[in-house]
N, C-alpha and C. Protein backbone atom coordinates (compact mmCIF):
# COMPACT_ATOMS: atom_id res chain seq x y z
N MET A 1 -8.89 -32.07 -0.19
CA MET A 1 -9.86 -30.81 -0.06
C MET A 1 -9.76 -30.37 1.61
N LYS A 2 -9.69 -31.54 2.24
CA LYS A 2 -9.61 -31.94 3.51
C LYS A 2 -8.56 -30.26 4.09
N LYS A 3 -7.19 -30.80 3.75
CA LYS A 3 -6.37 -30.03 4.12
C LYS A 3 -6.46 -28.49 4.12
N PHE A 4 -7.35 -28.10 2.64
CA PHE A 4 -7.60 -27.04 2.39
C PHE A 4 -8.24 -26.24 3.24
N LEU A 5 -9.59 -26.91 3.64
CA LEU A 5 -10.16 -26.41 4.61
C LEU A 5 -9.70 -26.23 5.91
N ILE A 6 -8.67 -26.75 6.28
CA ILE A 6 -8.04 -26.76 7.21
C ILE A 6 -7.28 -25.61 7.94
N LEU A 7 -6.64 -25.24 6.46
CA LEU A 7 -5.72 -24.06 6.43
C LEU A 7 -6.86 -22.88 6.34
N CYS A 8 -7.73 -22.83 5.98
CA CYS A 8 -8.72 -21.67 5.52
C CYS A 8 -9.04 -21.24 7.18
N VAL A 9 -9.17 -22.56 7.80
CA VAL A 9 -9.90 -21.88 9.29
C VAL A 9 -8.91 -21.56 10.11
N ALA A 10 -7.33 -22.03 10.07
CA ALA A 10 -6.26 -21.62 10.89
C ALA A 10 -6.10 -20.35 10.52
N LEU A 11 -5.91 -19.84 9.20
CA LEU A 11 -6.10 -18.26 8.58
C LEU A 11 -7.02 -17.33 8.97
N ALA A 12 -8.47 -18.27 9.24
CA ALA A 12 -9.56 -17.11 9.68
C ALA A 12 -9.08 -16.94 11.15
N PHE A 13 -8.95 -17.83 11.92
CA PHE A 13 -8.64 -17.43 13.64
C PHE A 13 -7.33 -16.78 13.63
N THR A 14 -6.45 -16.66 12.79
CA THR A 14 -4.96 -15.99 12.99
C THR A 14 -5.56 -14.73 12.75
N ALA A 15 -6.48 -14.39 11.59
CA ALA A 15 -6.52 -13.04 10.91
C ALA A 15 -7.66 -12.14 12.01
N CYS A 16 -8.26 -13.07 12.74
CA CYS A 16 -9.15 -12.13 13.73
C CYS A 16 -8.67 -11.91 15.39
N MET A 17 -7.58 -12.62 15.32
CA MET A 17 -6.66 -12.47 16.90
C MET A 17 -6.41 -10.66 17.06
N SER A 18 -6.48 -10.54 18.00
CA SER A 18 -6.23 -9.46 18.35
C SER A 18 -4.37 -9.43 18.78
N LYS A 19 -3.90 -7.77 18.24
CA LYS A 19 -2.71 -7.99 18.52
C LYS A 19 -2.23 -6.94 19.63
N GLU A 20 -0.90 -7.50 20.25
CA GLU A 20 -0.86 -6.52 21.54
C GLU A 20 0.84 -6.11 20.69
N VAL A 21 0.85 -4.46 20.69
CA VAL A 21 1.72 -4.14 20.14
C VAL A 21 2.76 -3.19 21.10
N LYS A 22 3.80 -3.13 21.20
CA LYS A 22 4.47 -2.36 22.42
C LYS A 22 5.10 -0.94 21.92
N VAL A 23 4.76 0.04 22.77
CA VAL A 23 5.05 1.64 22.54
C VAL A 23 6.52 1.56 22.21
N GLY A 24 6.82 1.92 21.06
CA GLY A 24 8.20 1.90 20.54
C GLY A 24 8.79 1.30 19.46
N ASP A 25 7.65 0.22 18.74
CA ASP A 25 7.74 -0.63 17.82
C ASP A 25 8.28 -0.01 16.32
N PRO A 26 9.23 -0.28 16.11
CA PRO A 26 9.12 0.78 14.42
C PRO A 26 8.19 0.45 13.31
N ASP A 27 7.15 -0.25 13.74
CA ASP A 27 6.27 -0.48 12.55
C ASP A 27 4.97 0.35 12.63
N LEU A 28 5.20 1.08 14.45
CA LEU A 28 3.75 1.96 14.50
C LEU A 28 4.32 3.31 13.93
N HIS A 29 3.17 4.48 13.58
CA HIS A 29 3.47 5.39 12.82
C HIS A 29 1.91 6.01 13.30
N LEU A 30 1.91 7.29 13.59
CA LEU A 30 0.77 8.27 13.86
C LEU A 30 0.82 8.85 12.76
N LYS A 31 -0.31 9.19 12.14
CA LYS A 31 -0.59 9.96 10.75
C LYS A 31 -1.38 10.86 10.89
N GLY A 32 -1.06 11.85 10.83
CA GLY A 32 -2.59 12.97 11.91
C GLY A 32 -2.94 12.49 12.68
N THR A 33 -4.26 11.91 13.03
CA THR A 33 -4.78 11.59 14.40
C THR A 33 -4.79 10.11 14.43
N LYS A 34 -4.40 9.24 13.19
CA LYS A 34 -4.49 7.84 13.24
C LYS A 34 -3.64 7.20 13.50
N LEU A 35 -3.52 6.02 14.36
CA LEU A 35 -2.39 4.98 14.34
C LEU A 35 -2.13 3.86 13.34
N TYR A 36 -1.14 3.71 12.64
CA TYR A 36 -0.97 2.80 11.55
C TYR A 36 0.05 1.82 12.08
N TYR A 37 -0.27 0.62 11.69
CA TYR A 37 0.88 -0.47 12.26
C TYR A 37 1.24 -1.48 10.63
N LYS A 38 2.51 -1.31 10.38
CA LYS A 38 2.87 -1.75 9.06
C LYS A 38 1.88 -1.04 7.89
N GLU A 39 1.90 -0.06 8.10
CA GLU A 39 1.20 0.78 6.95
C GLU A 39 -0.25 0.44 6.83
N LYS A 40 -0.93 -0.40 7.79
CA LYS A 40 -2.20 -0.45 7.92
C LYS A 40 -2.90 0.34 9.18
N LEU A 41 -4.41 0.62 9.11
CA LEU A 41 -4.65 1.42 10.60
C LEU A 41 -5.03 0.10 11.37
N PHE A 42 -4.37 0.60 12.90
CA PHE A 42 -4.05 -0.25 13.89
C PHE A 42 -5.17 -0.99 14.55
N THR A 43 -5.42 -1.77 14.69
CA THR A 43 -6.62 -2.61 15.70
C THR A 43 -5.95 -3.67 16.36
N GLY A 44 -6.10 -3.22 17.93
CA GLY A 44 -5.21 -4.23 18.77
C GLY A 44 -5.24 -3.22 20.04
N THR A 45 -4.05 -4.04 20.99
CA THR A 45 -3.73 -3.21 22.26
C THR A 45 -2.37 -2.78 22.22
N LEU A 46 -2.05 -1.61 22.39
CA LEU A 46 -1.14 -0.88 22.76
C LEU A 46 -0.51 -0.91 24.05
N VAL A 47 0.49 -1.55 24.13
CA VAL A 47 0.95 -1.54 25.48
C VAL A 47 2.41 -0.78 26.06
N GLN A 48 2.26 -0.35 27.07
CA GLN A 48 3.87 0.31 27.74
C GLN A 48 3.92 -0.06 29.11
N LYS A 49 5.08 -0.26 29.20
CA LYS A 49 5.43 -0.58 30.83
C LYS A 49 5.27 0.85 31.77
N VAL A 50 4.72 0.83 32.81
CA VAL A 50 4.55 1.79 33.75
C VAL A 50 6.37 2.16 34.20
N PRO A 51 7.33 3.08 34.34
CA PRO A 51 8.26 3.02 34.52
C PRO A 51 8.47 2.92 36.29
N LEU A 52 9.39 2.52 36.54
CA LEU A 52 9.83 2.12 38.33
C LEU A 52 8.96 0.86 38.73
N THR A 53 8.11 0.34 37.84
CA THR A 53 7.69 -0.79 38.29
C THR A 53 8.06 -2.05 37.89
N GLU A 54 7.29 -3.14 38.60
CA GLU A 54 8.36 -4.23 38.16
C GLU A 54 6.97 -5.07 37.44
N ASP A 55 5.62 -4.80 37.54
CA ASP A 55 4.59 -5.68 36.64
C ASP A 55 3.41 -4.86 36.25
N LYS A 56 3.71 -3.52 35.87
CA LYS A 56 2.70 -2.65 35.97
C LYS A 56 2.64 -2.35 34.29
N PHE A 57 1.53 -2.05 33.58
CA PHE A 57 1.43 -1.92 32.34
C PHE A 57 0.08 -0.81 32.20
N ILE A 58 0.25 0.15 31.11
CA ILE A 58 -0.73 0.96 30.52
C ILE A 58 -1.23 0.21 29.15
N LYS A 59 -2.41 -0.15 29.27
CA LYS A 59 -3.09 -0.83 27.58
C LYS A 59 -4.08 0.22 27.50
N ILE A 60 -4.10 0.46 26.06
CA ILE A 60 -4.94 0.86 25.01
C ILE A 60 -5.40 0.28 24.10
N LYS A 61 -6.97 0.47 23.94
CA LYS A 61 -7.33 -0.58 22.83
C LYS A 61 -7.69 0.53 21.44
N TYR A 62 -7.40 -0.13 20.26
CA TYR A 62 -7.54 0.92 18.93
C TYR A 62 -8.05 -0.10 18.13
N LYS A 63 -9.24 0.75 17.61
CA LYS A 63 -9.88 0.10 16.48
C LYS A 63 -9.61 1.10 15.18
N ASP A 64 -9.29 0.46 13.94
CA ASP A 64 -9.05 1.25 12.67
C ASP A 64 -8.28 2.64 13.03
N GLY A 65 -7.53 2.32 13.93
CA GLY A 65 -6.18 3.49 14.36
C GLY A 65 -6.82 4.49 15.03
N VAL A 66 -7.62 4.52 16.04
CA VAL A 66 -8.49 5.04 16.91
C VAL A 66 -8.89 4.78 17.82
N ILE A 67 -8.50 5.55 19.25
CA ILE A 67 -8.86 4.78 20.35
C ILE A 67 -10.36 4.13 21.05
N THR A 68 -10.24 2.98 21.31
CA THR A 68 -11.58 2.85 21.59
C THR A 68 -11.97 2.68 23.28
N SER A 69 -13.32 3.05 23.61
CA SER A 69 -13.87 3.01 24.91
C SER A 69 -13.87 1.55 25.32
N ASP A 70 -14.12 1.08 26.48
CA ASP A 70 -14.83 -0.31 27.07
C ASP A 70 -15.93 0.20 27.99
N LYS A 71 -16.28 1.35 27.96
CA LYS A 71 -17.50 2.00 28.86
C LYS A 71 -18.53 1.63 28.48
N LYS A 72 -19.71 1.10 29.03
CA LYS A 72 -21.19 0.41 28.75
C LYS A 72 -21.73 1.52 29.59
N ASP A 73 -22.67 1.94 28.64
CA ASP A 73 -23.29 3.23 29.20
C ASP A 73 -24.90 2.25 29.55
């Protein structure tokens, strides 16, 4: 029973972690206006390296296939 509980907790943490996916990943698909990853609505961060720079990246957050905003009004 203890092993089962540990497994359930580990799976819960893994399922809740945010994904970071690079632009160009073959599992990313735009269907209409929504972004899908492995045939499911994408929730996570889409990352693209800025050309001609060493360490700059563009990061766009998505929730359920739609771009989200971090702005606090």
